[in-house]
Amino acid sequence: MFIKNGYLDIDELGERMPSEERFERGPVAILECIQQIPCNPCQDACSRGAILPFQSINDTPTIDMDKCNGCGNCISACPGLAIFVVWKNYNLESSLIKLPLELLPFPEEGDSVELMNRKGEKVGIGKVIKIQKTKQNPKSRVIWVEVPKKLAMEVRHISRSNNHDK
């Protein structure tokens, strides 16, 4: 439970989780924002209208997963670093995760990075595919990381590994 242990358990996402059928269609944003606070920049960042209008500025965001194409514009708009894009079937062996990163130094494309779960535990090694600068938050980056498929819904952060093989 988030309030008790300080991190979000995947079970707490409930209806925020895309169905397996939706994952089959390609990348999709996952909104892991569960606290009711006055915030809605993700809605403004979504040019497709996939993040639905808020009834109150304190609502948590909801997404129409059929409208979402996984572009990731919402990722850098989120000041809480609570939005991720998951492309479960990036290739036969791997998934692709787009995640926010504000910690320097930023990795470089091709770097191996340590994959971390919501608890901050290391769960594997991934490869940086792309580093995206955004206008919404020029001091952060959206990092595209190739991860083993079994970790697609677990990985939510990266750390520079000791091995920076290209």
Protein backbone atom coordinates (compact mmCIF):
# COMPACT_ATOMS: atom_id res chain seq x y z
CA MET A 1 0.00 0.00 0.00
CA PHE A 2 1.43 3.35 -1.12
CA ILE A 3 0.57 5.28 2.05
CA LYS A 4 2.04 2.59 4.29
CA ASN A 5 5.26 1.67 2.48
CA GLY A 6 6.00 4.67 0.24
CA TYR A 7 5.83 2.90 -3.11
CA LEU A 8 3.02 1.78 -5.35
CA ASP A 9 2.23 -1.93 -5.58
CA ILE A 10 1.13 -3.04 -9.03
CA ASP A 11 -2.11 -4.34 -7.45
CA GLU A 12 -3.01 -0.75 -6.53
CA LEU A 13 -3.24 0.21 -10.21
CA GLY A 14 -6.44 -1.79 -10.73
CA GLU A 15 -8.39 -0.38 -13.68
CA ARG A 16 -5.46 1.87 -14.58
CA MET A 17 -3.73 -1.18 -16.03
CA PRO A 18 -4.17 -1.79 -19.75
CA SER A 19 -5.67 -5.12 -20.73
CA GLU A 20 -3.49 -7.71 -22.42
CA GLU A 21 -5.54 -7.09 -25.58
CA ARG A 22 -4.59 -3.39 -25.43
CA PHE A 23 -0.93 -4.23 -24.88
CA GLU A 24 -1.07 -6.36 -28.04
CA ARG A 25 -1.95 -3.26 -30.09
CA GLY A 26 1.24 -1.37 -29.22
CA PRO A 27 2.65 1.15 -26.76
CA VAL A 28 0.34 2.68 -24.17
CA ALA A 29 0.72 5.17 -21.30
CA ILE A 30 0.24 3.95 -17.77
CA LEU A 31 -0.76 6.63 -15.29
CA GLU A 32 0.57 5.65 -11.89
CA CYS A 33 -0.72 8.83 -10.28
CA ILE A 34 -2.98 7.76 -7.42
CA GLN A 35 -2.93 10.76 -5.09
CA GLN A 36 -5.58 13.43 -5.30
CA ILE A 37 -3.62 16.65 -5.60
CA PRO A 38 -4.22 19.82 -7.64
CA CYS A 39 -2.45 18.87 -10.86
CA ASN A 40 -3.45 18.30 -14.51
CA PRO A 41 -0.60 19.11 -16.93
CA CYS A 42 -0.75 15.59 -18.36
CA GLN A 43 -4.18 16.31 -19.80
CA ASP A 44 -2.95 19.43 -21.58
CA ALA A 45 0.08 17.54 -22.93
CA CYS A 46 -2.03 14.88 -24.65
CA SER A 47 -2.83 16.08 -28.18
CA ARG A 48 -5.01 13.00 -28.82
CA GLY A 49 -7.37 13.67 -25.91
CA ALA A 50 -6.53 10.28 -24.39
CA ILE A 51 -6.19 11.74 -20.90
CA LEU A 52 -9.77 12.50 -20.06
CA PRO A 53 -11.02 15.85 -18.73
CA PHE A 54 -10.87 16.26 -14.99
CA GLN A 55 -14.08 16.90 -13.07
CA SER A 56 -11.96 18.58 -10.37
CA ILE A 57 -8.35 19.75 -10.43
CA ASN A 58 -7.81 17.32 -7.54
CA ASP A 59 -8.91 14.24 -9.50
CA THR A 60 -6.42 11.58 -10.46
CA PRO A 61 -6.01 11.27 -14.22
CA THR A 62 -7.80 8.65 -16.26
CA ILE A 63 -6.94 7.54 -19.74
CA ASP A 64 -8.87 6.30 -22.74
CA MET A 65 -6.45 3.56 -23.72
CA ASP A 66 -8.02 3.25 -27.16
CA LYS A 67 -7.02 6.84 -27.97
CA CYS A 68 -3.49 6.54 -26.55
CA ASN A 69 -0.76 5.82 -29.08
CA GLY A 70 2.10 5.74 -26.55
CA CYS A 71 3.76 8.93 -27.82
CA GLY A 72 4.83 9.83 -24.28
CA ASN A 73 4.12 13.57 -24.37
CA CYS A 74 2.44 13.17 -20.99
CA ILE A 75 5.58 11.72 -19.38
CA SER A 76 7.61 14.92 -19.21
CA ALA A 77 4.54 17.00 -18.32
CA CYS A 78 4.04 15.05 -15.09
CA PRO A 79 5.80 16.78 -12.17
CA GLY A 80 5.31 13.65 -10.07
CA LEU A 81 7.24 11.38 -12.48
CA ALA A 82 4.23 9.05 -12.36
CA ILE A 83 3.59 8.32 -16.05
CA PHE A 84 5.28 5.61 -18.10
CA VAL A 85 4.77 4.17 -21.55
CA VAL A 86 5.01 0.42 -21.95
CA TRP A 87 5.36 -1.31 -25.30
CA LYS A 88 5.17 -4.94 -24.19
CA ASN A 89 5.89 -6.44 -27.61
CA TYR A 90 8.72 -4.19 -28.78
CA ASN A 91 10.36 -7.26 -30.28
CA LEU A 92 10.28 -11.03 -29.71
CA GLU A 93 12.36 -10.96 -26.52
CA SER A 94 11.99 -7.44 -25.19
CA SER A 95 9.64 -4.71 -24.11
CA LEU A 96 10.29 -0.98 -24.34
CA ILE A 97 9.65 1.36 -21.43
CA LYS A 98 9.63 5.13 -21.74
CA LEU A 99 10.29 6.67 -18.35
CA PRO A 100 11.09 10.07 -16.88
CA LEU A 101 14.58 10.81 -15.58
CA GLU A 102 15.83 13.90 -13.76
CA LEU A 103 19.02 12.56 -12.21
CA LEU A 104 22.38 13.54 -13.67
CA PRO A 105 24.41 12.29 -15.34
CA PHE A 106 22.02 11.11 -18.01
CA PRO A 107 22.96 7.85 -19.71
CA GLU A 108 23.81 7.77 -23.38
CA GLU A 109 22.06 5.89 -26.16
CA GLY A 110 23.40 2.35 -26.25
CA ASP A 111 24.37 2.31 -22.55
CA SER A 112 23.57 -0.65 -20.36
CA VAL A 113 21.64 0.46 -17.28
CA GLU A 114 20.47 -1.21 -14.11
CA LEU A 115 16.71 -1.66 -14.06
CA MET A 116 14.91 -0.83 -10.84
CA ASN A 117 11.42 -1.65 -9.62
CA ARG A 118 9.01 0.60 -7.72
CA LYS A 119 10.74 -0.26 -4.43
CA GLY A 120 14.12 0.85 -5.79
CA GLU A 121 15.43 -2.71 -5.99
CA LYS A 122 17.65 -3.73 -8.89
CA VAL A 123 15.86 -6.30 -11.04
CA GLY A 124 18.00 -6.60 -14.18
CA ILE A 125 19.95 -4.91 -16.94
CA GLY A 126 18.46 -2.97 -19.85
CA LYS A 127 19.70 -1.00 -22.83
CA VAL A 128 19.04 2.69 -23.51
CA ILE A 129 17.50 2.99 -26.97
CA LYS A 130 16.78 6.72 -27.07
CA ILE A 131 17.09 9.81 -24.89
CA GLN A 132 14.43 12.42 -25.57
CA LYS A 133 14.62 16.08 -24.59
CA THR A 134 11.29 17.82 -24.17
CA LYS A 135 10.10 21.40 -24.19
CA GLN A 136 7.86 20.86 -21.15
CA ASN A 137 10.75 20.08 -18.82
CA PRO A 138 14.14 20.88 -20.38
CA LYS A 139 16.07 19.70 -17.30
CA SER A 140 14.67 16.16 -17.49
CA ARG A 141 14.68 13.48 -20.16
CA VAL A 142 12.39 10.70 -21.32
CA ILE A 143 14.54 7.61 -21.49
CA TRP A 144 13.55 4.75 -23.80
CA VAL A 145 14.85 1.49 -22.32
CA GLU A 146 14.72 -2.01 -23.78
CA VAL A 147 13.96 -4.48 -20.98
CA PRO A 148 13.25 -8.22 -20.75
CA LYS A 149 9.52 -8.80 -21.40
CA LYS A 150 8.97 -10.34 -17.98
CA LEU A 151 10.00 -7.00 -16.39
CA ALA A 152 7.77 -4.71 -18.49
CA MET A 153 5.34 -3.96 -15.67
CA GLU A 154 7.99 -3.98 -12.96
CA VAL A 155 10.70 -1.56 -14.18
CA ARG A 156 10.02 2.06 -13.24
CA HIS A 157 13.49 3.58 -12.88
CA ILE A 158 17.06 3.10 -14.02
CA SER A 159 20.50 3.57 -12.56
CA ARG A 160 23.74 3.87 -14.44
CA SER A 161 25.41 0.47 -14.21
CA ASN A 162 29.11 -0.03 -13.70
CA ASN A 163 29.26 -1.50 -17.19
CA HIS A 164 28.66 1.13 -19.88
CA ASP A 165 29.10 -1.14 -22.90
CA LYS A 166 27.78 0.26 -26.12
